[in-house]
């Protein structure tokens, strides 16, 4: 299975799209990840913006 590199900015963008009303299946299919991976990301990155991501690094 191919390991893809998905940036934290892409993760935050996907979470915001999902919270904005986009279907979870569509978001996961676009990124090529499983729903459980998305939920783990949401738990970790929910509510963050680009400035907070920079602070994490």
PDB file of N, CA and C in Angstrom:
ATOM      1  N   UNK A   1       0.841  -1.177   0.000  1.00  0.00           N
ATOM      2  CA  UNK A   1       0.000   0.000   0.000  1.00  0.00           C
ATOM      3  C   UNK A   1       0.885   1.239   0.000  1.00  0.00           C
ATOM      4  N   UNK A   2       0.508   2.191  -0.794  1.00  0.00           N
ATOM      5  CA  UNK A   2       1.293   3.412  -0.951  1.00  0.00           C
ATOM      6  C   UNK A   2       1.103   4.340   0.241  1.00  0.00           C
ATOM      7  N   UNK A   3       2.207   4.834   0.763  1.00  0.00           N
ATOM      8  CA  UNK A   3       2.142   5.846   1.810  1.00  0.00           C
ATOM      9  C   UNK A   3       2.119   7.209   1.150  1.00  0.00           C
ATOM     10  N   UNK A   4       1.098   7.969   1.420  1.00  0.00           N
ATOM     11  CA  UNK A   4       1.023   9.310   0.856  1.00  0.00           C
ATOM     12  C   UNK A   4       1.339  10.320   1.948  1.00  0.00           C
ATOM     13  N   UNK A   5       1.862  11.424   1.516  1.00  0.00           N
ATOM     14  CA  UNK A   5       2.190  12.479   2.461  1.00  0.00           C
ATOM     15  C   UNK A   5       1.090  13.530   2.396  1.00  0.00           C
ATOM     16  N   UNK A   6       0.370  13.652   3.477  1.00  0.00           N
ATOM     17  CA  UNK A   6      -0.699  14.640   3.573  1.00  0.00           C
ATOM     18  C   UNK A   6      -0.265  15.655   4.619  1.00  0.00           C
ATOM     19  N   UNK A   7      -0.219  16.900   4.216  1.00  0.00           N
ATOM     20  CA  UNK A   7       0.261  17.940   5.119  1.00  0.00           C
ATOM     21  C   UNK A   7      -0.794  18.283   6.168  1.00  0.00           C
ATOM     22  N   UNK A   8      -0.333  18.915   7.230  1.00  0.00           N
ATOM     23  CA  UNK A   8      -1.255  19.329   8.287  1.00  0.00           C
ATOM     24  C   UNK A   8      -2.241  20.367   7.777  1.00  0.00           C
ATOM     25  N   UNK A   9      -1.806  21.202   6.845  1.00  0.00           N
ATOM     26  CA  UNK A   9      -2.708  22.201   6.266  1.00  0.00           C
ATOM     27  C   UNK A   9      -3.835  21.517   5.498  1.00  0.00           C
ATOM     28  N   UNK A  10      -3.520  20.439   4.775  1.00  0.00           N
ATOM     29  CA  UNK A  10      -4.553  19.698   4.055  1.00  0.00           C
ATOM     30  C   UNK A  10      -5.524  19.041   5.031  1.00  0.00           C
ATOM     31  N   UNK A  11      -5.004  18.562   6.142  1.00  0.00           N
ATOM     32  CA  UNK A  11      -5.850  17.924   7.147  1.00  0.00           C
ATOM     33  C   UNK A  11      -6.832  18.936   7.729  1.00  0.00           C
ATOM     34  N   UNK A  12      -6.334  20.113   8.093  1.00  0.00           N
ATOM     35  CA  UNK A  12      -7.197  21.150   8.665  1.00  0.00           C
ATOM     36  C   UNK A  12      -8.235  21.594   7.642  1.00  0.00           C
ATOM     37  N   UNK A  13      -7.833  21.724   6.389  1.00  0.00           N
ATOM     38  CA  UNK A  13      -8.772  22.110   5.334  1.00  0.00           C
ATOM     39  C   UNK A  13      -9.872  21.065   5.190  1.00  0.00           C
ATOM     40  N   UNK A  14      -9.503  19.794   5.223  1.00  0.00           N
ATOM     41  CA  UNK A  14     -10.483  18.718   5.101  1.00  0.00           C
ATOM     42  C   UNK A  14     -11.451  18.720   6.281  1.00  0.00           C
ATOM     43  N   UNK A  15     -10.942  18.966   7.473  1.00  0.00           N
ATOM     44  CA  UNK A  15     -11.806  19.013   8.659  1.00  0.00           C
ATOM     45  C   UNK A  15     -12.798  20.162   8.542  1.00  0.00           C
ATOM     46  N   UNK A  16     -12.327  21.315   8.087  1.00  0.00           N
ATOM     47  CA  UNK A  16     -13.224  22.463   7.922  1.00  0.00           C
ATOM     48  C   UNK A  16     -14.283  22.196   6.860  1.00  0.00           C
ATOM     49  N   UNK A  17     -13.916  21.507   5.780  1.00  0.00           N
ATOM     50  CA  UNK A  17     -14.897  21.156   4.754  1.00  0.00           C
ATOM     51  C   UNK A  17     -15.960  20.228   5.331  1.00  0.00           C
ATOM     52  N   UNK A  18     -15.529  19.247   6.113  1.00  0.00           N
ATOM     53  CA  UNK A  18     -16.469  18.314   6.726  1.00  0.00           C
ATOM     54  C   UNK A  18     -17.408  19.042   7.683  1.00  0.00           C
ATOM     55  N   UNK A  19     -16.846  19.927   8.499  1.00  0.00           N
ATOM     56  CA  UNK A  19     -17.667  20.680   9.446  1.00  0.00           C
ATOM     57  C   UNK A  19     -18.584  21.663   8.727  1.00  0.00           C
ATOM     58  N   UNK A  20     -18.227  22.035   7.508  1.00  0.00           N
ATOM     59  CA  UNK A  20     -19.052  22.930   6.712  1.00  0.00           C
ATOM     60  C   UNK A  20     -20.200  22.234   6.007  1.00  0.00           C
ATOM     61  N   UNK A  21     -20.265  20.907   6.118  1.00  0.00           N
ATOM     62  CA  UNK A  21     -21.396  20.190   5.551  1.00  0.00           C
ATOM     63  C   UNK A  21     -21.057  19.203   4.452  1.00  0.00           C
ATOM     64  N   UNK A  22     -19.805  19.089   4.085  1.00  0.00           N
ATOM     65  CA  UNK A  22     -19.423  18.145   3.038  1.00  0.00           C
ATOM     66  C   UNK A  22     -19.476  16.721   3.592  1.00  0.00           C
ATOM     67  N   UNK A  23     -19.849  15.768   2.749  1.00  0.00           N
ATOM     68  CA  UNK A  23     -19.967  14.375   3.163  1.00  0.00           C
ATOM     69  C   UNK A  23     -18.606  13.798   3.549  1.00  0.00           C
ATOM     70  N   UNK A  24     -18.584  13.015   4.617  1.00  0.00           N
ATOM     71  CA  UNK A  24     -17.350  12.402   5.092  1.00  0.00           C
ATOM     72  C   UNK A  24     -16.751  11.483   4.034  1.00  0.00           C
ATOM     73  N   UNK A  25     -17.591  10.717   3.354  1.00  0.00           N
ATOM     74  CA  UNK A  25     -17.086   9.810   2.323  1.00  0.00           C
ATOM     75  C   UNK A  25     -16.362  10.567   1.220  1.00  0.00           C
ATOM     76  N   UNK A  26     -16.875  11.722   0.836  1.00  0.00           N
ATOM     77  CA  UNK A  26     -16.237  12.520  -0.211  1.00  0.00           C
ATOM     78  C   UNK A  26     -14.875  13.043   0.235  1.00  0.00           C
ATOM     79  N   UNK A  27     -14.809  13.524   1.459  1.00  0.00           N
ATOM     80  CA  UNK A  27     -13.548  14.063   1.987  1.00  0.00           C
ATOM     81  C   UNK A  27     -12.504  12.952   2.074  1.00  0.00           C
ATOM     82  N   UNK A  28     -12.891  11.808   2.615  1.00  0.00           N
ATOM     83  CA  UNK A  28     -11.951  10.694   2.770  1.00  0.00           C
ATOM     84  C   UNK A  28     -11.503  10.149   1.420  1.00  0.00           C
ATOM     85  N   UNK A  29     -12.409  10.072   0.478  1.00  0.00           N
ATOM     86  CA  UNK A  29     -12.060   9.569  -0.851  1.00  0.00           C
ATOM     87  C   UNK A  29     -11.077  10.497  -1.536  1.00  0.00           C
ATOM     88  N   UNK A  30     -11.268  11.796  -1.392  1.00  0.00           N
ATOM     89  CA  UNK A  30     -10.375  12.767  -2.021  1.00  0.00           C
ATOM     90  C   UNK A  30      -8.956  12.655  -1.465  1.00  0.00           C
ATOM     91  N   UNK A  31      -8.844  12.451  -0.150  1.00  0.00           N
ATOM     92  CA  UNK A  31      -7.527  12.346   0.483  1.00  0.00           C
ATOM     93  C   UNK A  31      -6.952  10.937   0.417  1.00  0.00           C
ATOM     94  N   UNK A  32      -7.809   9.960   0.167  1.00  0.00           N
ATOM     95  CA  UNK A  32      -7.352   8.577   0.103  1.00  0.00           C
ATOM     96  C   UNK A  32      -7.085   7.979   1.473  1.00  0.00           C
ATOM     97  N   UNK A  33      -7.920   8.330   2.455  1.00  0.00           N
ATOM     98  CA  UNK A  33      -7.748   7.822   3.817  1.00  0.00           C
ATOM     99  C   UNK A  33      -9.037   7.156   4.293  1.00  0.00           C
ATOM    100  N   UNK A  34      -8.912   6.354   5.326  1.00  0.00           N
ATOM    101  CA  UNK A  34     -10.056   5.681   5.922  1.00  0.00           C
ATOM    102  C   UNK A  34     -10.770   6.633   6.883  1.00  0.00           C
ATOM    103  N   UNK A  35     -12.032   6.355   7.144  1.00  0.00           N
ATOM    104  CA  UNK A  35     -12.820   7.200   8.050  1.00  0.00           C
ATOM    105  C   UNK A  35     -12.196   7.276   9.440  1.00  0.00           C
ATOM    106  N   UNK A  36     -11.674   6.166   9.924  1.00  0.00           N
ATOM    107  CA  UNK A  36     -11.085   6.173  11.269  1.00  0.00           C
ATOM    108  C   UNK A  36      -9.867   7.088  11.329  1.00  0.00           C
ATOM    109  N   UNK A  37      -9.095   7.138  10.247  1.00  0.00           N
ATOM    110  CA  UNK A  37      -7.954   8.055  10.186  1.00  0.00           C
ATOM    111  C   UNK A  37      -8.441   9.486  10.253  1.00  0.00           C
ATOM    112  N   UNK A  38      -9.508   9.785   9.531  1.00  0.00           N
ATOM    113  CA  UNK A  38     -10.058  11.137   9.544  1.00  0.00           C
ATOM    114  C   UNK A  38     -10.532  11.518  10.944  1.00  0.00           C
ATOM    115  N   UNK A  39     -11.206  10.593  11.624  1.00  0.00           N
ATOM    116  CA  UNK A  39     -11.693  10.892  12.972  1.00  0.00           C
ATOM    117  C   UNK A  39     -10.537  11.124  13.944  1.00  0.00           C
ATOM    118  N   UNK A  40      -9.445  10.384  13.785  1.00  0.00           N
ATOM    119  CA  UNK A  40      -8.261  10.624  14.623  1.00  0.00           C
ATOM    120  C   UNK A  40      -7.688  12.003  14.353  1.00  0.00           C
ATOM    121  N   UNK A  41      -7.618  12.393  13.091  1.00  0.00           N
ATOM    122  CA  UNK A  41      -7.149  13.738  12.737  1.00  0.00           C
ATOM    123  C   UNK A  41      -8.056  14.791  13.349  1.00  0.00           C
ATOM    124  N   UNK A  42      -9.368  14.561  13.257  1.00  0.00           N
ATOM    125  CA  UNK A  42     -10.318  15.541  13.776  1.00  0.00           C
ATOM    126  C   UNK A  42     -10.142  15.726  15.279  1.00  0.00           C
ATOM    127  N   UNK A  43      -9.881  14.630  15.973  1.00  0.00           N
ATOM    128  CA  UNK A  43      -9.658  14.710  17.415  1.00  0.00           C
ATOM    129  C   UNK A  43      -8.402  15.536  17.716  1.00  0.00           C
ATOM    130  N   UNK A  44      -7.384  15.394  16.882  1.00  0.00           N
ATOM    131  CA  UNK A  44      -6.109  16.068  17.122  1.00  0.00           C
ATOM    132  C   UNK A  44      -6.100  17.521  16.641  1.00  0.00           C
ATOM    133  N   UNK A  45      -6.690  17.793  15.471  1.00  0.00           N
ATOM    134  CA  UNK A  45      -6.539  19.095  14.825  1.00  0.00           C
ATOM    135  C   UNK A  45      -7.790  19.968  14.829  1.00  0.00           C
ATOM    136  N   UNK A  46      -8.887  19.519  15.394  1.00  0.00           N
ATOM    137  CA  UNK A  46     -10.136  20.285  15.330  1.00  0.00           C
ATOM    138  C   UNK A  46      -9.972  21.659  15.972  1.00  0.00           C
ATOM    139  N   UNK A  47     -10.463  22.681  15.296  1.00  0.00           N
ATOM    140  CA  UNK A  47     -10.439  24.032  15.824  1.00  0.00           C
ATOM    141  C   UNK A  47      -9.157  24.785  15.573  1.00  0.00           C
ATOM    142  N   UNK A  48      -8.201  24.177  14.892  1.00  0.00           N
ATOM    143  CA  UNK A  48      -6.927  24.849  14.638  1.00  0.00           C
ATOM    144  C   UNK A  48      -6.973  25.623  13.331  1.00  0.00           C
ATOM    145  N   UNK A  49      -6.189  26.689  13.279  1.00  0.00           N
ATOM    146  CA  UNK A  49      -6.003  27.408  12.030  1.00  0.00           C
ATOM    147  C   UNK A  49      -4.518  27.363  11.682  1.00  0.00           C
ATOM    148  N   UNK A  50      -4.122  28.039  10.626  1.00  0.00           N
ATOM    149  CA  UNK A  50      -2.745  27.949  10.149  1.00  0.00           C
ATOM    150  C   UNK A  50      -1.741  28.490  11.163  1.00  0.00           C
ATOM    151  N   UNK A  51      -2.114  29.519  11.920  1.00  0.00           N
ATOM    152  CA  UNK A  51      -1.197  30.074  12.914  1.00  0.00           C
ATOM    153  C   UNK A  51      -0.918  29.072  14.039  1.00  0.00           C
ATOM    154  N   UNK A  52      -1.940  28.365  14.466  1.00  0.00           N
ATOM    155  CA  UNK A  52      -1.752  27.375  15.522  1.00  0.00           C
ATOM    156  C   UNK A  52      -0.929  26.194  15.034  1.00  0.00           C
ATOM    157  N   UNK A  53      -1.072  25.836  13.758  1.00  0.00           N
ATOM    158  CA  UNK A  53      -0.263  24.758  13.203  1.00  0.00           C
ATOM    159  C   UNK A  53       1.210  25.128  13.192  1.00  0.00           C
ATOM    160  N   UNK A  54       1.509  26.372  12.854  1.00  0.00           N
ATOM    161  CA  UNK A  54       2.897  26.822  12.852  1.00  0.00           C
ATOM    162  C   UNK A  54       3.479  26.760  14.255  1.00  0.00           C
ATOM    163  N   UNK A  55       2.660  27.062  15.253  1.00  0.00           N
ATOM    164  CA  UNK A  55       3.116  27.036  16.632  1.00  0.00           C
ATOM    165  C   UNK A  55       3.418  25.601  17.078  1.00  0.00           C
ATOM    166  N   UNK A  56       2.669  24.618  16.548  1.00  0.00           N
ATOM    167  CA  UNK A  56       2.910  23.227  16.895  1.00  0.00           C
ATOM    168  C   UNK A  56       4.275  22.755  16.421  1.00  0.00           C
ATOM    169  N   UNK A  57       4.659  23.226  15.247  1.00  0.00           N
ATOM    170  CA  UNK A  57       5.939  22.800  14.682  1.00  0.00           C
ATOM    171  C   UNK A  57       7.027  23.424  15.468  1.00  0.00           C
TER     172      UNK A  57
END
